[in-house]
Amino acid sequence: MRTPRILIISHDATRTGAPILLLNLYEVLKEKFEVEFLLKHGGVLQSHFSNTAKTYTVAYNKKKKTVIGKSVNKLFDKTTQSIAKIPWSSYQLVISNTITNGDILPLVKRYYKGKIISYVHELEIATKTFTSKTNLQAVLKYSDAFCVPSAAVQQHLHNNLKVNAGKIYLLPYYINKKVNKQVKVENPFIHIGGVGTADWRKGIDIFIAAAAYFIRTYPGTAVHFTWLGIPNNNIMLEKLQYEARLAGISNQLSFVKETNQVEEVYNTLDILLLTSREDPYPLVVLEAANFKMPTICFKNTGGANEFVAGSGAGKTVEYLNFTQVANAIQAYAANRDVLKKDGQLAYNYFKEQHMNKAAILQQFQDLFSKYTNP
């Protein structure tokens, strides 16, 4: 019997959550499917995609403002040509990763007559930020079903975007990387970590404010805060260090640039402080759990609440309530046994939900059968 073929469309190949999780999903699907990729844009992981499976890329015309230039672009439309060359009739299913592919889905449907499932990772603000109303409507129009990583995203699709609840399916993230938290001499301080892009959604400014509040509220507690994920942009780093100096906490707050060696940082951390304003189901929470760390996060800001509730480990506090954040950190600092117990609970739940390849594959196979069988 012929192995079913799937094409997965990725919006880019950057070292961010969606592309990384997509490569992880490939590790699940390759057990039963032949998988190929279409990259809408490149990035540092592009070679990783190409080395993993057959990978196509969307070609774009260079923008030309002259009348002649525009006519040439229209006559030799590189985007259309690159899409047309893909063997669309050979695929039984197309997965569009993220809600941001509405600009090319109409073109895909010109050549592909099968079903499209969109794997959506975005909540309200990300949807408004990363796609236009026109492109969003295209995603809603051309997607036959939707996969989501969390109930938070499911509610966003149903309540805000009016997607039929019967077309939305939970598909857990798969993490294929086993790690061993290094045995080290216990630090005389509690090490609090924040991880992610230094932007508004991830709340790096909130992280700095929470660190300053804790240090002032519990001056006798030995603690250090570190944010991992600063872009290789010296002025950004200088701005953050300037803010730490103004707050008087430079000695207890560090910033680490983006790196491939994230395990080295995770191995030094005790608690993940997730200060995201909006996060559908944060990869960093799963990575922290893999290193046996509990998470402190805000209520009603995304899927991290679901992980904390499901694992029975970590703390969920009111949004921007720095008193509750500080008290949660202090509770762990005062009782290392509870910190260790919650770290183990987080790991157990992570392993059960996100390292169970067979269960995730079965969920996808059921979905595949539903949308490909006549």
Protein backbone atom coordinates (compact mmCIF):
# COMPACT_ATOMS: atom_id res chain seq x y z
CA MET A 1 0.00 0.00 0.00
CA ARG A 2 1.31 3.44 -0.94
CA THR A 3 2.44 5.67 1.94
CA PRO A 4 0.16 8.73 2.20
CA ARG A 5 1.84 12.01 1.31
CA ILE A 6 1.40 15.30 3.18
CA LEU A 7 2.68 18.78 2.39
CA ILE A 8 3.19 21.14 5.32
CA ILE A 9 3.35 24.90 4.70
CA SER A 10 5.51 26.84 7.14
CA HIS A 11 5.35 30.64 7.26
CA ASP A 12 9.13 30.77 7.82
CA ALA A 13 12.17 28.91 9.14
CA THR A 14 13.20 31.13 12.04
CA ARG A 15 14.34 29.77 15.39
CA THR A 16 10.97 30.42 17.00
CA GLY A 17 8.25 28.24 18.46
CA ALA A 18 6.12 27.41 15.40
CA PRO A 19 8.91 26.21 13.05
CA ILE A 20 10.66 24.29 15.84
CA LEU A 21 7.43 22.55 16.83
CA LEU A 22 6.73 21.82 13.16
CA LEU A 23 10.04 19.98 12.84
CA ASN A 24 9.11 18.06 15.98
CA LEU A 25 5.73 17.17 14.46
CA TYR A 26 7.58 15.76 11.45
CA GLU A 27 9.23 13.24 13.78
CA VAL A 28 5.75 11.97 14.65
CA LEU A 29 4.24 11.98 11.18
CA LYS A 30 7.16 10.31 9.41
CA GLU A 31 6.23 7.07 11.17
CA LYS A 32 3.18 6.69 8.89
CA PHE A 33 3.35 9.45 6.29
CA GLU A 34 5.68 10.83 3.64
CA VAL A 35 6.05 14.49 4.56
CA GLU A 36 7.35 17.41 2.47
CA PHE A 37 7.61 21.12 3.30
CA LEU A 38 6.82 24.41 1.62
CA LEU A 39 8.55 27.42 3.19
CA LYS A 40 6.89 30.77 2.57
CA HIS A 41 9.99 32.55 3.92
CA GLY A 42 13.45 31.39 4.98
CA GLY A 43 15.41 31.68 8.19
CA VAL A 44 18.25 30.12 10.15
CA LEU A 45 16.47 26.74 10.23
CA GLN A 46 16.00 26.55 6.45
CA SER A 47 18.87 24.09 6.01
CA HIS A 48 17.40 22.01 8.83
CA PHE A 49 14.13 21.75 6.92
CA SER A 50 15.94 20.88 3.70
CA ASN A 51 18.05 18.22 5.40
CA THR A 52 14.95 16.75 7.04
CA ALA A 53 12.70 16.30 4.01
CA LYS A 54 12.01 17.55 0.50
CA THR A 55 11.51 21.30 0.88
CA TYR A 56 10.08 23.81 -1.59
CA THR A 57 10.37 27.57 -1.21
CA VAL A 58 8.08 30.33 -2.39
CA ALA A 59 9.79 32.72 -4.80
CA TYR A 60 8.87 36.39 -4.71
CA ASN A 61 9.23 39.11 -7.34
CA LYS A 62 11.43 42.03 -6.51
CA LYS A 63 9.23 45.08 -6.10
CA LYS A 64 9.41 47.35 -9.13
CA LYS A 65 7.57 50.67 -9.06
CA THR A 66 7.79 51.53 -12.75
CA VAL A 67 4.92 50.68 -15.10
CA ILE A 68 7.20 48.46 -17.16
CA GLY A 69 8.57 46.78 -14.04
CA LYS A 70 5.09 46.03 -12.72
CA SER A 71 4.11 44.58 -16.09
CA VAL A 72 7.16 42.33 -16.12
CA ASN A 73 6.40 41.12 -12.60
CA LYS A 74 2.84 40.33 -13.59
CA LEU A 75 3.94 38.49 -16.72
CA PHE A 76 6.64 36.49 -14.93
CA ASP A 77 5.05 36.04 -11.52
CA LYS A 78 7.70 34.10 -9.59
CA THR A 79 5.32 33.28 -6.75
CA THR A 80 2.78 31.66 -9.05
CA GLN A 81 5.52 29.85 -10.95
CA SER A 82 7.10 28.42 -7.79
CA ILE A 83 3.72 27.26 -6.46
CA ALA A 84 2.70 25.76 -9.81
CA LYS A 85 5.80 23.54 -9.94
CA ILE A 86 4.87 21.66 -6.77
CA PRO A 87 3.29 18.20 -7.47
CA TRP A 88 0.00 19.04 -5.78
CA SER A 89 -1.92 16.02 -7.06
CA SER A 90 0.44 13.70 -5.17
CA TYR A 91 -0.64 14.94 -1.72
CA GLN A 92 -3.56 13.51 0.22
CA LEU A 93 -3.53 16.42 2.70
CA VAL A 94 -2.01 19.88 3.15
CA ILE A 95 -1.27 21.30 6.61
CA SER A 96 -0.87 25.06 6.83
CA ASN A 97 1.15 25.91 9.92
CA THR A 98 0.06 29.13 11.71
CA ILE A 99 -2.77 31.52 10.90
CA THR A 100 -0.52 33.73 8.73
CA ASN A 101 -0.62 31.88 5.40
CA GLY A 102 -3.73 33.51 3.99
CA ASP A 103 -1.67 35.33 1.39
CA ILE A 104 -0.80 32.13 -0.48
CA LEU A 105 -3.68 29.74 0.34
CA PRO A 106 -5.85 31.09 -2.51
CA LEU A 107 -2.97 30.37 -4.88
CA VAL A 108 -2.50 26.90 -3.38
CA LYS A 109 -6.18 26.14 -3.95
CA ARG A 110 -5.74 27.04 -7.62
CA TYR A 111 -3.60 23.92 -8.04
CA TYR A 112 -4.55 21.71 -5.08
CA LYS A 113 -8.05 20.24 -4.84
CA GLY A 114 -7.76 18.32 -1.57
CA LYS A 115 -8.37 19.26 2.05
CA ILE A 116 -6.38 21.85 4.01
CA ILE A 117 -5.98 21.76 7.77
CA SER A 118 -4.58 24.88 9.47
CA TYR A 119 -2.55 24.33 12.63
CA VAL A 120 -3.18 27.56 14.52
CA HIS A 121 -0.89 28.74 17.31
CA GLU A 122 -2.07 32.35 17.61
CA LEU A 123 -4.39 34.14 20.00
CA GLU A 124 -6.20 37.48 19.57
CA ILE A 125 -3.35 40.01 19.48
CA ALA A 126 -0.99 37.79 17.50
CA THR A 127 -3.73 37.24 14.93
CA LYS A 128 -4.23 40.99 14.56
CA THR A 129 -0.49 41.63 14.51
CA PHE A 130 0.77 39.03 12.08
CA THR A 131 -1.95 38.84 9.46
CA SER A 132 -4.37 41.17 7.69
CA LYS A 133 -8.16 40.93 7.71
CA THR A 134 -8.11 39.87 4.06
CA ASN A 135 -5.55 37.13 4.62
CA LEU A 136 -7.30 35.97 7.80
CA GLN A 137 -10.54 35.56 5.86
CA ALA A 138 -8.65 33.48 3.30
CA VAL A 139 -7.41 31.15 6.05
CA LEU A 140 -10.94 30.79 7.42
CA LYS A 141 -12.34 30.21 3.93
CA TYR A 142 -9.84 27.67 2.63
CA SER A 143 -9.25 25.66 5.82
CA ASP A 144 -11.44 22.57 6.09
CA ALA A 145 -10.44 22.03 9.71
CA PHE A 146 -8.20 23.50 12.41
CA CYS A 147 -5.75 21.95 14.84
CA VAL A 148 -4.86 23.82 18.03
CA PRO A 149 -2.40 23.21 20.88
CA SER A 150 -4.65 24.42 23.70
CA ALA A 151 -8.17 25.22 24.81
CA ALA A 152 -7.19 28.91 24.79
CA VAL A 153 -6.60 28.84 21.02
CA GLN A 154 -9.73 26.76 20.53
CA GLN A 155 -11.80 29.40 22.32
CA HIS A 156 -10.19 32.17 20.25
CA LEU A 157 -11.12 30.45 17.00
CA HIS A 158 -14.65 29.68 18.10
CA ASN A 159 -15.55 32.80 20.08
CA ASN A 160 -13.62 35.51 18.20
CA LEU A 161 -13.34 34.13 14.68
CA LYS A 162 -16.63 32.20 14.65
CA VAL A 163 -15.14 28.89 13.54
CA ASN A 164 -17.49 25.95 13.97
CA ALA A 165 -16.43 24.10 17.13
CA GLY A 166 -16.84 20.80 15.29
CA LYS A 167 -13.98 21.73 12.97
CA ILE A 168 -11.45 22.41 15.75
CA TYR A 169 -9.24 19.60 17.07
CA LEU A 170 -6.69 19.52 19.86
CA LEU A 171 -3.29 18.25 18.67
CA PRO A 172 -0.66 18.35 21.44
CA TYR A 173 2.85 19.52 20.73
CA TYR A 174 5.46 16.79 20.52
CA ILE A 175 8.85 17.31 22.14
CA ASN A 176 11.42 14.73 21.10
CA LYS A 177 14.38 15.97 23.07
CA LYS A 178 15.23 14.18 26.27
CA VAL A 179 17.52 16.11 28.58
CA ASN A 180 19.19 15.41 31.85
CA LYS A 181 19.26 18.24 34.33
CA GLN A 182 22.87 18.34 35.38
CA VAL A 183 23.66 17.52 38.97
CA LYS A 184 25.25 20.63 40.41
CA VAL A 185 26.09 22.07 43.77
CA GLU A 186 22.97 23.79 45.04
CA ASN A 187 23.26 27.51 44.51
CA PRO A 188 22.96 29.78 47.54
CA PHE A 189 20.31 31.68 45.55
CA ILE A 190 17.10 30.92 43.67
CA HIS A 191 17.57 31.46 39.93
CA ILE A 192 14.48 32.79 38.13
CA GLY A 193 14.38 32.61 34.33
CA GLY A 194 12.45 34.33 31.58
CA VAL A 195 12.80 33.01 28.04
CA GLY A 196 11.66 34.39 24.71
CA THR A 197 11.84 37.18 22.19
CA ALA A 198 12.31 40.57 23.83
CA ASP A 199 8.98 41.95 22.66
CA TRP A 200 5.63 43.24 23.91
CA ARG A 201 3.82 39.89 23.83
CA LYS A 202 6.51 38.08 25.81
CA GLY A 203 6.54 40.87 28.40
CA ILE A 204 10.23 41.40 29.02
CA ASP A 205 9.33 44.79 30.54
CA ILE A 206 6.99 42.99 32.96
CA PHE A 207 9.80 40.57 33.83
CA ILE A 208 12.09 43.46 34.77
CA ALA A 209 9.36 45.13 36.82
CA ALA A 210 8.55 41.86 38.62
CA ALA A 211 12.23 41.31 39.40
CA ALA A 212 12.55 44.83 40.84
CA TYR A 213 9.41 44.40 42.93
CA PHE A 214 10.58 41.08 44.36
CA ILE A 215 14.04 42.35 45.24
CA ARG A 216 12.57 45.36 47.04
CA THR A 217 9.87 43.32 48.79
CA TYR A 218 12.13 40.46 49.91
CA PRO A 219 15.56 42.08 50.21
CA GLY A 220 16.83 39.26 52.39
CA THR A 221 16.20 36.52 49.83
CA ALA A 222 19.16 35.45 47.72
CA VAL A 223 17.80 35.49 44.17
CA HIS A 224 18.95 36.13 40.62
CA PHE A 225 16.87 36.80 37.50
CA THR A 226 17.96 35.99 33.93
CA TRP A 227 16.22 36.59 30.61
CA LEU A 228 17.32 34.38 27.72
CA GLY A 229 16.57 35.44 24.14
CA ILE A 230 17.90 38.95 23.60
CA PRO A 231 18.45 39.55 19.86
CA ASN A 232 21.97 40.14 18.65
CA ASN A 233 21.36 43.84 18.76
CA ASN A 234 23.67 45.80 21.03
CA ILE A 235 21.33 48.76 21.44
CA MET A 236 18.52 46.49 22.65
CA LEU A 237 20.84 44.95 25.23
CA GLU A 238 22.03 48.40 26.31
CA LYS A 239 18.43 49.59 26.75
CA LEU A 240 17.61 46.65 28.99
CA GLN A 241 20.78 47.05 31.04
CA TYR A 242 20.02 50.77 31.37
CA GLU A 243 16.58 49.94 32.76
CA ALA A 244 18.08 47.47 35.23
CA ARG A 245 20.51 50.14 36.42
CA LEU A 246 17.69 52.65 36.90
CA ALA A 247 15.84 50.09 39.01
CA GLY A 248 18.98 49.42 41.03
CA ILE A 249 18.96 45.68 40.34
CA SER A 250 21.84 45.24 37.87
CA ASN A 251 23.65 42.86 40.20
CA GLN A 252 20.64 40.53 40.33
CA LEU A 253 19.37 40.71 36.75
CA SER A 254 21.15 39.34 33.68
CA PHE A 255 20.34 39.24 29.98
CA VAL A 256 21.54 36.47 27.67
CA LYS A 257 21.52 36.76 23.89
CA GLU A 258 19.87 34.26 21.56
CA THR A 259 21.86 31.05 21.47
CA ASN A 260 21.73 27.44 20.30
CA GLN A 261 23.07 26.38 23.69
CA VAL A 262 19.85 26.97 25.61
CA GLU A 263 20.39 23.87 27.74
CA GLU A 264 23.35 25.51 29.44
CA VAL A 265 21.07 28.29 30.66
CA TYR A 266 18.14 26.03 31.56
CA ASN A 267 20.47 23.90 33.66
CA THR A 268 21.14 26.89 35.91
CA LEU A 269 17.49 27.85 36.44
CA ASP A 270 15.13 26.85 39.24
CA ILE A 271 11.85 28.52 38.21
CA LEU A 272 10.40 29.81 34.94
CA LEU A 273 8.67 33.17 35.34
CA LEU A 274 6.42 33.50 32.28
CA THR A 275 5.43 37.15 31.96
CA SER A 276 3.76 36.84 28.56
CA ARG A 277 0.81 39.07 27.89
CA GLU A 278 -0.42 36.48 25.38
CA ASP A 279 0.98 33.01 24.66
CA PRO A 280 -1.08 30.22 23.07
CA TYR A 281 0.80 27.26 24.59
CA PRO A 282 4.37 28.34 25.29
CA LEU A 283 7.17 26.06 24.17
CA VAL A 284 9.29 27.53 26.99
CA VAL A 285 6.92 26.08 29.60
CA LEU A 286 7.45 22.62 28.10
CA GLU A 287 11.21 23.14 27.95
CA ALA A 288 11.24 24.23 31.58
CA ALA A 289 9.22 21.17 32.59
CA ASN A 290 11.69 19.00 30.69
CA PHE A 291 14.33 20.42 33.03
CA LYS A 292 12.06 19.76 36.04
CA MET A 293 11.18 23.38 36.64
CA PRO A 294 7.75 24.71 37.64
CA THR A 295 6.28 27.79 35.96
CA ILE A 296 4.77 30.95 37.44
CA CYS A 297 2.40 32.60 34.95
CA PHE A 298 -0.53 35.02 34.65
CA LYS A 299 -4.19 34.01 34.45
CA ASN A 300 -6.11 34.31 31.19
CA THR A 301 -3.05 34.91 29.02
CA GLY A 302 -2.99 31.58 27.17
CA GLY A 303 -2.22 27.90 27.44
CA ALA A 304 0.35 28.03 30.23
CA ASN A 305 -2.57 28.10 32.67
CA GLU A 306 -3.69 24.75 31.26
CA PHE A 307 -0.28 23.19 31.76
CA VAL A 308 -0.02 24.44 35.36
CA ALA A 309 -3.53 23.18 36.14
CA GLY A 310 -2.99 19.84 34.41
CA SER A 311 0.34 19.14 36.07
CA GLY A 312 -0.64 20.39 39.51
CA ALA A 313 2.70 22.20 39.62
CA GLY A 314 3.59 25.85 39.41
CA LYS A 315 1.60 28.97 40.25
CA THR A 316 -1.00 30.98 38.34
CA VAL A 317 -1.43 34.56 39.55
CA GLU A 318 -3.57 37.56 38.66
CA TYR A 319 -2.38 39.53 35.67
CA LEU A 320 0.22 42.16 36.63
CA ASN A 321 -0.23 41.41 40.33
CA PHE A 322 3.41 41.74 41.36
CA THR A 323 2.59 41.01 44.99
CA GLN A 324 1.28 37.58 44.01
CA VAL A 325 4.27 37.00 41.71
CA ALA A 326 6.69 37.89 44.52
CA ASN A 327 4.85 35.72 47.04
CA ALA A 328 4.90 32.76 44.66
CA ILE A 329 8.66 33.10 44.16
CA GLN A 330 9.25 33.53 47.87
CA ALA A 331 7.21 30.41 48.68
CA TYR A 332 9.53 28.36 46.50
CA ALA A 333 12.64 30.11 47.83
CA ALA A 334 11.60 29.30 51.38
CA ASN A 335 10.92 25.63 50.67
CA ARG A 336 13.28 23.88 48.26
CA ASP A 337 11.49 20.57 48.84
CA VAL A 338 8.25 21.98 47.42
CA LEU A 339 10.20 23.47 44.51
CA LYS A 340 11.73 20.09 43.76
CA LYS A 341 8.37 18.29 44.08
CA ASP A 342 6.64 20.71 41.70
CA GLY A 343 9.51 20.39 39.25
CA GLN A 344 9.02 16.63 39.19
CA LEU A 345 5.25 16.97 38.77
CA ALA A 346 5.78 19.34 35.85
CA TYR A 347 8.17 16.86 34.24
CA ASN A 348 5.80 13.92 34.74
CA TYR A 349 2.93 15.77 33.06
CA PHE A 350 5.17 16.99 30.26
CA LYS A 351 6.38 13.47 29.57
CA GLU A 352 2.84 12.06 29.58
CA GLN A 353 1.33 14.75 27.34
CA HIS A 354 4.15 15.77 25.03
CA MET A 355 6.56 12.87 24.64
CA ASN A 356 3.94 10.23 23.85
CA LYS A 357 4.58 9.87 20.13
CA ALA A 358 2.15 6.98 19.66
CA ALA A 359 -0.78 8.85 21.19
CA ILE A 360 -0.17 12.03 19.18
CA LEU A 361 0.28 10.02 15.98
CA GLN A 362 -3.00 8.20 16.58
CA GLN A 363 -4.81 11.52 17.06
CA PHE A 364 -3.43 12.74 13.75
CA GLN A 365 -4.24 9.50 11.93
CA ASP A 366 -7.86 9.76 13.09
CA LEU A 367 -8.00 13.32 11.77
CA PHE A 368 -6.33 12.33 8.50
CA SER A 369 -8.84 9.56 7.94
CA LYS A 370 -11.78 11.85 8.66
CA TYR A 371 -10.68 14.47 6.10
CA THR A 372 -9.28 12.26 3.33
CA ASN A 373 -11.65 9.30 3.15
CA PRO A 374 -14.69 9.84 0.92
